[in-house]
N, C-alpha and C. Protein backbone atom coordinates (compact mmCIF):
# COMPACT_ATOMS: atom_id res chain seq x y z
N MET A 1 0.82 -1.18 0.00
CA MET A 1 0.00 0.00 0.00
C MET A 1 0.87 1.25 0.00
N THR A 2 0.50 2.26 -0.77
CA THR A 2 1.31 3.47 -0.89
C THR A 2 0.87 4.57 0.06
N GLY A 3 -0.31 4.48 0.63
CA GLY A 3 -0.81 5.51 1.53
C GLY A 3 -1.47 6.66 0.80
N ARG A 4 -1.54 6.60 -0.52
CA ARG A 4 -2.19 7.66 -1.29
C ARG A 4 -3.68 7.40 -1.39
N GLU A 5 -4.43 8.49 -1.61
CA GLU A 5 -5.87 8.34 -1.80
C GLU A 5 -6.12 7.75 -3.18
N PRO A 6 -7.19 6.96 -3.31
CA PRO A 6 -7.53 6.43 -4.63
C PRO A 6 -8.02 7.56 -5.53
N PRO A 7 -7.95 7.37 -6.85
CA PRO A 7 -8.47 8.39 -7.77
C PRO A 7 -9.94 8.69 -7.46
N ALA A 8 -10.37 9.89 -7.83
CA ALA A 8 -11.74 10.32 -7.54
C ALA A 8 -12.77 9.32 -8.06
N SER A 9 -12.48 8.68 -9.17
CA SER A 9 -13.44 7.74 -9.75
C SER A 9 -13.65 6.51 -8.87
N ARG A 10 -12.70 6.21 -7.97
CA ARG A 10 -12.82 5.03 -7.11
C ARG A 10 -13.17 5.37 -5.67
N ARG A 11 -13.26 6.65 -5.32
CA ARG A 11 -13.61 7.04 -3.96
C ARG A 11 -15.11 6.90 -3.75
N LYS A 12 -15.50 6.53 -2.55
CA LYS A 12 -16.92 6.44 -2.21
C LYS A 12 -17.46 7.84 -1.95
N THR A 13 -18.73 8.05 -2.28
CA THR A 13 -19.38 9.32 -1.98
C THR A 13 -19.53 9.44 -0.48
N PRO A 14 -19.00 10.52 0.11
CA PRO A 14 -19.10 10.69 1.56
C PRO A 14 -20.53 11.01 2.00
N GLN A 15 -20.77 10.77 3.27
CA GLN A 15 -22.07 11.09 3.85
C GLN A 15 -22.25 12.61 3.88
N THR A 16 -23.46 13.07 3.64
CA THR A 16 -23.75 14.50 3.63
C THR A 16 -23.48 15.09 5.01
N PRO A 17 -22.62 16.12 5.10
CA PRO A 17 -22.29 16.73 6.39
C PRO A 17 -23.39 17.69 6.86
N ALA A 18 -23.30 18.11 8.10
CA ALA A 18 -24.22 19.10 8.64
C ALA A 18 -23.92 20.46 8.01
N LEU A 19 -24.94 21.31 7.91
CA LEU A 19 -24.74 22.66 7.40
C LEU A 19 -23.68 23.37 8.22
N GLY A 20 -22.79 24.09 7.54
CA GLY A 20 -21.75 24.84 8.21
C GLY A 20 -20.46 24.07 8.46
N THR A 21 -20.45 22.77 8.18
CA THR A 21 -19.24 21.97 8.36
C THR A 21 -18.14 22.49 7.44
N LEU A 22 -16.94 22.65 7.98
CA LEU A 22 -15.83 23.12 7.17
C LEU A 22 -15.20 21.96 6.41
N LEU A 23 -15.08 22.14 5.09
CA LEU A 23 -14.55 21.12 4.21
C LEU A 23 -13.47 21.72 3.32
N ALA A 24 -12.63 20.86 2.77
CA ALA A 24 -11.62 21.29 1.80
C ALA A 24 -11.88 20.54 0.50
N ASP A 25 -11.82 21.27 -0.61
CA ASP A 25 -12.04 20.61 -1.90
C ASP A 25 -10.71 20.11 -2.46
N ASP A 26 -10.74 19.56 -3.66
CA ASP A 26 -9.53 18.98 -4.24
C ASP A 26 -8.48 20.02 -4.62
N ARG A 27 -8.84 21.31 -4.56
CA ARG A 27 -7.87 22.39 -4.79
C ARG A 27 -7.46 23.05 -3.48
N ASP A 28 -7.80 22.39 -2.35
CA ASP A 28 -7.49 22.85 -0.99
C ASP A 28 -8.16 24.18 -0.63
N ARG A 29 -9.27 24.50 -1.30
CA ARG A 29 -10.06 25.66 -0.89
C ARG A 29 -10.93 25.22 0.28
N ILE A 30 -11.02 26.02 1.32
CA ILE A 30 -11.82 25.71 2.49
C ILE A 30 -13.17 26.39 2.34
N GLY A 31 -14.23 25.65 2.60
CA GLY A 31 -15.56 26.20 2.50
C GLY A 31 -16.51 25.57 3.50
N GLU A 32 -17.55 26.32 3.84
CA GLU A 32 -18.63 25.80 4.69
C GLU A 32 -19.62 25.07 3.81
N PHE A 33 -20.04 23.92 4.25
CA PHE A 33 -21.07 23.17 3.51
C PHE A 33 -22.38 23.94 3.61
N ARG A 34 -23.00 24.23 2.44
CA ARG A 34 -24.24 25.01 2.39
C ARG A 34 -25.43 24.20 1.91
N GLY A 35 -25.19 23.03 1.32
CA GLY A 35 -26.30 22.21 0.86
C GLY A 35 -25.90 21.36 -0.33
N GLU A 36 -26.89 20.59 -0.81
CA GLU A 36 -26.66 19.67 -1.93
C GLU A 36 -27.77 19.86 -2.94
N ARG A 37 -27.40 19.81 -4.21
CA ARG A 37 -28.39 19.90 -5.28
C ARG A 37 -27.84 19.18 -6.49
N ALA A 38 -28.65 18.32 -7.03
CA ALA A 38 -28.32 17.57 -8.25
C ALA A 38 -27.00 16.82 -8.11
N GLY A 39 -26.74 16.29 -6.94
CA GLY A 39 -25.54 15.50 -6.73
C GLY A 39 -24.27 16.28 -6.44
N LEU A 40 -24.34 17.60 -6.44
CA LEU A 40 -23.18 18.43 -6.14
C LEU A 40 -23.38 19.13 -4.81
N TRP A 41 -22.29 19.37 -4.11
CA TRP A 41 -22.34 20.10 -2.85
C TRP A 41 -21.96 21.54 -3.08
N SER A 42 -22.59 22.43 -2.34
CA SER A 42 -22.29 23.85 -2.41
C SER A 42 -21.43 24.22 -1.20
N LEU A 43 -20.29 24.86 -1.46
CA LEU A 43 -19.40 25.34 -0.41
C LEU A 43 -19.27 26.84 -0.54
N ARG A 44 -19.13 27.52 0.60
CA ARG A 44 -18.98 28.97 0.61
C ARG A 44 -17.81 29.32 1.50
N PRO A 45 -16.98 30.29 1.12
CA PRO A 45 -15.85 30.68 1.97
C PRO A 45 -16.35 31.12 3.35
N PRO A 46 -15.68 30.71 4.41
CA PRO A 46 -16.12 31.05 5.77
C PRO A 46 -16.16 32.55 6.04
N ALA A 47 -15.30 33.32 5.39
CA ALA A 47 -15.27 34.77 5.62
C ALA A 47 -16.14 35.52 4.64
N GLY A 48 -16.99 34.81 3.89
CA GLY A 48 -17.89 35.43 2.93
C GLY A 48 -17.34 35.31 1.52
N GLY A 49 -18.21 35.49 0.57
CA GLY A 49 -17.81 35.39 -0.83
C GLY A 49 -18.75 34.48 -1.59
N SER A 50 -18.42 34.23 -2.82
CA SER A 50 -19.26 33.43 -3.70
C SER A 50 -19.10 31.94 -3.42
N ALA A 51 -20.22 31.25 -3.44
CA ALA A 51 -20.21 29.81 -3.25
C ALA A 51 -19.77 29.13 -4.54
N TRP A 52 -19.32 27.89 -4.42
CA TRP A 52 -18.97 27.09 -5.59
C TRP A 52 -19.50 25.69 -5.40
N LYS A 53 -19.67 25.00 -6.50
CA LYS A 53 -20.17 23.62 -6.50
C LYS A 53 -19.00 22.66 -6.62
N VAL A 54 -19.12 21.52 -5.96
CA VAL A 54 -18.06 20.52 -5.98
C VAL A 54 -18.67 19.13 -5.89
N ASP A 55 -18.04 18.19 -6.54
CA ASP A 55 -18.45 16.79 -6.45
C ASP A 55 -18.09 16.29 -5.05
N PRO A 56 -19.01 15.65 -4.35
CA PRO A 56 -18.72 15.17 -2.99
C PRO A 56 -17.51 14.25 -2.91
N LYS A 57 -17.17 13.58 -3.99
CA LYS A 57 -16.01 12.69 -3.99
C LYS A 57 -14.69 13.46 -3.95
N ASP A 58 -14.75 14.77 -4.26
CA ASP A 58 -13.54 15.60 -4.30
C ASP A 58 -13.42 16.47 -3.06
N VAL A 59 -14.07 16.07 -1.97
CA VAL A 59 -14.09 16.87 -0.74
C VAL A 59 -13.60 16.02 0.43
N ARG A 60 -12.93 16.69 1.37
CA ARG A 60 -12.53 16.03 2.61
C ARG A 60 -12.81 16.98 3.77
N ARG A 61 -12.82 16.44 4.97
CA ARG A 61 -12.98 17.28 6.15
C ARG A 61 -11.75 18.16 6.30
N ALA A 62 -11.95 19.40 6.73
CA ALA A 62 -10.84 20.31 6.97
C ALA A 62 -10.03 19.81 8.16
N THR A 63 -8.72 19.98 8.08
CA THR A 63 -7.85 19.61 9.19
C THR A 63 -8.03 20.61 10.33
N PRO A 64 -7.57 20.28 11.54
CA PRO A 64 -7.68 21.25 12.64
C PRO A 64 -7.01 22.59 12.31
N ALA A 65 -5.85 22.56 11.65
CA ALA A 65 -5.17 23.81 11.28
C ALA A 65 -6.00 24.60 10.27
N GLU A 66 -6.60 23.93 9.30
CA GLU A 66 -7.44 24.61 8.31
C GLU A 66 -8.69 25.20 8.98
N ARG A 67 -9.28 24.46 9.91
CA ARG A 67 -10.45 24.98 10.63
C ARG A 67 -10.09 26.22 11.43
N LEU A 68 -8.96 26.19 12.13
CA LEU A 68 -8.53 27.35 12.91
C LEU A 68 -8.31 28.56 12.02
N ARG A 69 -7.64 28.36 10.88
CA ARG A 69 -7.39 29.45 9.94
C ARG A 69 -8.70 30.03 9.42
N ALA A 70 -9.67 29.16 9.09
CA ALA A 70 -10.95 29.61 8.57
C ALA A 70 -11.75 30.35 9.64
N GLU A 71 -11.74 29.84 10.86
CA GLU A 71 -12.47 30.50 11.94
C GLU A 71 -11.86 31.86 12.28
N THR A 72 -10.53 31.95 12.20
CA THR A 72 -9.87 33.24 12.42
C THR A 72 -10.23 34.23 11.33
N ALA A 73 -10.24 33.78 10.07
CA ALA A 73 -10.61 34.65 8.96
C ALA A 73 -12.05 35.15 9.11
N ARG A 74 -12.94 34.26 9.56
CA ARG A 74 -14.35 34.65 9.78
C ARG A 74 -14.44 35.68 10.90
N ALA A 75 -13.73 35.47 12.01
CA ALA A 75 -13.75 36.41 13.13
C ALA A 75 -13.20 37.77 12.71
N ASN A 76 -12.12 37.77 11.93
CA ASN A 76 -11.55 39.02 11.45
C ASN A 76 -12.51 39.76 10.53
N ALA A 77 -13.17 39.05 9.63
CA ALA A 77 -14.15 39.67 8.72
C ALA A 77 -15.31 40.25 9.53
N ARG A 78 -15.75 39.52 10.53
CA ARG A 78 -16.84 40.02 11.37
C ARG A 78 -16.42 41.27 12.12
N SER A 79 -15.19 41.33 12.63
CA SER A 79 -14.71 42.51 13.37
C SER A 79 -14.57 43.72 12.46
N ARG A 80 -14.33 43.48 11.17
CA ARG A 80 -14.24 44.58 10.20
C ARG A 80 -15.61 45.01 9.69
N GLY A 81 -16.65 44.31 10.12
CA GLY A 81 -18.00 44.65 9.68
C GLY A 81 -18.38 44.05 8.34
N GLU A 82 -17.59 43.12 7.85
CA GLU A 82 -17.87 42.50 6.56
C GLU A 82 -18.90 41.38 6.67
N LEU A 83 -19.07 40.84 7.87
CA LEU A 83 -20.07 39.79 8.14
C LEU A 83 -20.95 40.24 9.29
N LEU A 84 -22.17 39.80 9.25
CA LEU A 84 -23.07 40.10 10.37
C LEU A 84 -23.11 38.96 11.34
């Protein structure tokens, strides 16, 4: 075994996460899970911005370091008045 993840075509579709769960896509963008439609998941940047669609097979849970970075970015945006 090499320890690498299998190609996307062989990965199982993950279970749908709770709204707001922080996830990382295959390009290492961190986003909050916003919902599912037509087999694709919608993720939105934690500090605000445009959502994007992603195949659930190309998503993983954010690491603790990624979650901390995202939560800090959200807190900073909120302190600047960019988020309510």
